[in-house]
Amino acid sequence: LDSAHEKGETLLEISQAFRLLGVGGILVGDDLDWPAVESDLKAFLQTAPDTAGADDDLLSSLPGLLFCPDGYWVLDATPRQWVLRKRGGNLEELGRELEREINGEQPAEYSPLTEADRHASRIYDEGVALAEAGDMKGAAARFKQAAAASASLTAHYRL
């Protein structure tokens, strides 16, 4: 993971990459010497993800890889790199992961747009235009109006 190196951005990227990582997968990031990278890595670990600790047989067997008491592994290189390994959690979680691998993700059921959805979408677009013009109060009002008009638009745009 070659992150943005900006505080907050690195946290977002680590969180998303870890979420997509399969059970047992390894996530490697660079530039641990950048303060924002190290700070966001530690902030991510505060969310209590199920990561491999010092007792991980695979990671502890790799030369040049050291466990840091803060909860991540460090590849002693220049620049230093950080390493996380996603644990399986428990047998139930592993079973779900295998089921997804074998059968794939189940697609959401299709539901066509309604006239209310189209109307809400137009209101939402007006809100975007207001936000781009700097009218944040007007934009917020339009977004709330769009959310009230369509549950599917609310879910899609997370209003």
Protein backbone atom coordinates (compact mmCIF):
# COMPACT_ATOMS: atom_id res chain seq x y z
CA LEU A 1 0.00 0.00 0.00
CA ASP A 2 1.64 3.19 -1.14
CA SER A 3 -0.57 5.61 0.74
CA ALA A 4 -1.15 9.32 0.36
CA HIS A 5 1.15 10.08 3.32
CA GLU A 6 -1.32 12.66 4.65
CA LYS A 7 -2.82 12.35 8.12
CA GLY A 8 -6.26 10.81 7.84
CA GLU A 9 -5.78 9.73 4.22
CA THR A 10 -3.44 6.92 5.23
CA LEU A 11 -5.93 5.77 7.87
CA LEU A 12 -8.70 5.65 5.28
CA GLU A 13 -6.54 3.70 2.84
CA ILE A 14 -5.36 1.19 5.48
CA SER A 15 -8.95 0.68 6.68
CA GLN A 16 -10.29 0.04 3.19
CA ALA A 17 -7.41 -2.21 2.13
CA PHE A 18 -7.68 -4.25 5.35
CA ARG A 19 -11.43 -4.61 4.87
CA LEU A 20 -10.84 -6.07 1.41
CA LEU A 21 -8.03 -8.34 2.59
CA GLY A 22 -8.91 -12.02 2.85
CA VAL A 23 -8.44 -14.05 6.02
CA GLY A 24 -4.72 -14.78 6.42
CA GLY A 25 -3.85 -12.07 3.91
CA ILE A 26 -0.88 -9.77 4.37
CA LEU A 27 -0.94 -5.99 3.91
CA VAL A 28 2.39 -4.22 3.44
CA GLY A 29 2.80 -0.45 3.48
CA ASP A 30 5.80 1.74 2.91
CA ASP A 31 7.21 4.95 4.33
CA LEU A 32 6.70 4.08 8.00
CA ASP A 33 9.18 6.88 8.73
CA TRP A 34 6.59 9.47 7.65
CA PRO A 35 4.87 10.75 10.85
CA ALA A 36 1.39 10.72 9.27
CA VAL A 37 1.81 7.12 8.10
CA GLU A 38 2.94 5.85 11.49
CA SER A 39 0.28 7.88 13.32
CA ASP A 40 -2.54 6.59 11.09
CA LEU A 41 -1.27 3.00 11.32
CA LYS A 42 -1.42 3.24 15.11
CA ALA A 43 -4.87 4.85 14.91
CA PHE A 44 -6.06 1.95 12.74
CA LEU A 45 -4.77 -0.56 15.26
CA GLN A 46 -6.74 1.24 17.99
CA THR A 47 -9.93 0.12 16.18
CA ALA A 48 -8.99 -3.42 17.33
CA PRO A 49 -8.74 -5.22 13.98
CA ASP A 50 -7.95 -8.91 14.24
CA THR A 51 -4.27 -8.80 13.26
CA ALA A 52 -1.45 -11.26 13.80
CA GLY A 53 0.70 -10.60 16.84
CA ALA A 54 4.21 -11.61 17.86
CA ASP A 55 3.09 -15.26 18.01
CA ASP A 56 2.39 -15.49 14.26
CA ASP A 57 4.43 -18.45 12.94
CA LEU A 58 4.58 -17.21 9.35
CA LEU A 59 5.61 -13.60 10.00
CA SER A 60 8.03 -14.48 12.81
CA SER A 61 9.86 -16.85 10.46
CA LEU A 62 10.70 -14.14 7.91
CA PRO A 63 14.18 -12.63 8.19
CA GLY A 64 14.34 -8.87 8.74
CA LEU A 65 10.73 -8.72 9.96
CA LEU A 66 10.37 -7.54 13.55
CA PHE A 67 7.27 -7.24 15.73
CA CYS A 68 6.62 -3.79 17.15
CA PRO A 69 4.92 -3.55 20.56
CA ASP A 70 2.41 -1.13 18.99
CA GLY A 71 0.86 -4.12 17.20
CA TYR A 72 2.39 -4.21 13.73
CA TRP A 73 5.40 -5.78 12.07
CA VAL A 74 8.30 -3.74 10.68
CA LEU A 75 10.43 -4.72 7.71
CA ASP A 76 13.85 -3.37 8.54
CA ALA A 77 14.63 -1.68 5.23
CA THR A 78 15.16 1.81 3.91
CA PRO A 79 12.56 3.22 3.96
CA ARG A 80 11.01 1.13 6.73
CA GLN A 81 7.86 -0.76 5.79
CA TRP A 82 4.97 -1.92 7.99
CA VAL A 83 3.22 -5.27 7.75
CA LEU A 84 -0.18 -6.47 9.00
CA ARG A 85 -1.63 -9.97 8.67
CA LYS A 86 -5.36 -10.51 8.97
CA ARG A 87 -6.28 -13.29 11.33
CA GLY A 88 -9.23 -15.54 10.75
CA GLY A 89 -11.03 -14.54 13.91
CA ASN A 90 -12.96 -17.72 14.57
CA LEU A 91 -14.21 -20.79 12.72
CA GLU A 92 -17.56 -19.17 11.96
CA GLU A 93 -15.87 -16.18 10.30
CA LEU A 94 -13.54 -18.49 8.37
CA GLY A 95 -16.56 -20.49 7.20
CA ARG A 96 -18.25 -17.34 5.90
CA GLU A 97 -15.05 -16.32 4.11
CA LEU A 98 -14.78 -19.74 2.44
CA GLU A 99 -18.46 -19.63 1.47
CA ARG A 100 -17.91 -16.23 -0.22
CA GLU A 101 -14.84 -17.56 -2.02
CA ILE A 102 -16.63 -20.65 -3.28
CA ASN A 103 -19.99 -19.10 -4.19
CA GLY A 104 -19.05 -15.47 -4.74
CA GLU A 105 -20.92 -12.50 -3.35
CA GLN A 106 -24.67 -12.61 -3.69
CA PRO A 107 -25.81 -9.67 -5.81
CA ALA A 108 -28.44 -7.35 -4.44
CA GLU A 109 -31.87 -7.77 -5.93
CA TYR A 110 -32.53 -5.34 -8.77
CA SER A 111 -35.23 -2.77 -8.26
CA PRO A 112 -35.93 -0.19 -10.96
CA LEU A 113 -35.87 3.53 -10.25
CA THR A 114 -39.18 5.07 -9.38
CA GLU A 115 -40.37 8.54 -10.27
CA ALA A 116 -39.71 9.51 -6.63
CA ASP A 117 -36.08 8.32 -7.04
CA ARG A 118 -35.67 10.40 -10.20
CA HIS A 119 -37.17 13.46 -8.49
CA ALA A 120 -34.88 12.99 -5.47
CA SER A 121 -31.90 12.62 -7.79
CA ARG A 122 -32.69 15.98 -9.40
CA ILE A 123 -32.89 17.58 -5.93
CA TYR A 124 -29.59 15.96 -5.00
CA ASP A 125 -27.96 17.35 -8.17
CA GLU A 126 -29.22 20.81 -7.21
CA GLY A 127 -27.56 20.32 -3.82
CA VAL A 128 -24.28 19.42 -5.49
CA ALA A 129 -24.46 22.55 -7.65
CA LEU A 130 -25.12 24.69 -4.57
CA ALA A 131 -22.18 23.10 -2.75
CA GLU A 132 -19.91 23.74 -5.73
CA ALA A 133 -21.05 27.38 -5.71
CA GLY A 134 -20.18 27.65 -2.01
CA ASP A 135 -23.73 27.67 -0.63
CA MET A 136 -23.27 24.89 1.94
CA LYS A 137 -26.42 25.76 3.89
CA GLY A 138 -28.55 25.56 0.75
CA ALA A 139 -26.79 22.35 -0.31
CA ALA A 140 -27.45 20.72 3.06
CA ALA A 141 -31.13 21.62 2.82
CA ARG A 142 -31.35 20.07 -0.68
CA PHE A 143 -29.57 16.90 0.48
CA LYS A 144 -32.02 16.53 3.38
CA GLN A 145 -34.92 17.09 1.01
CA ALA A 146 -33.55 14.45 -1.40
CA ALA A 147 -33.07 11.98 1.45
CA ALA A 148 -36.66 12.46 2.59
CA ALA A 149 -37.93 11.88 -0.96
CA SER A 150 -36.21 8.56 -1.69
CA ALA A 151 -35.00 5.75 0.58
CA SER A 152 -32.94 4.21 -2.23
CA LEU A 153 -31.18 7.52 -2.94
CA THR A 154 -30.52 7.90 0.79
CA ALA A 155 -28.88 4.45 0.86
CA HIS A 156 -26.93 5.01 -2.35
CA TYR A 157 -25.47 8.37 -1.35
CA ARG A 158 -25.45 7.58 2.38
CA LEU A 159 -27.43 10.70 3.17
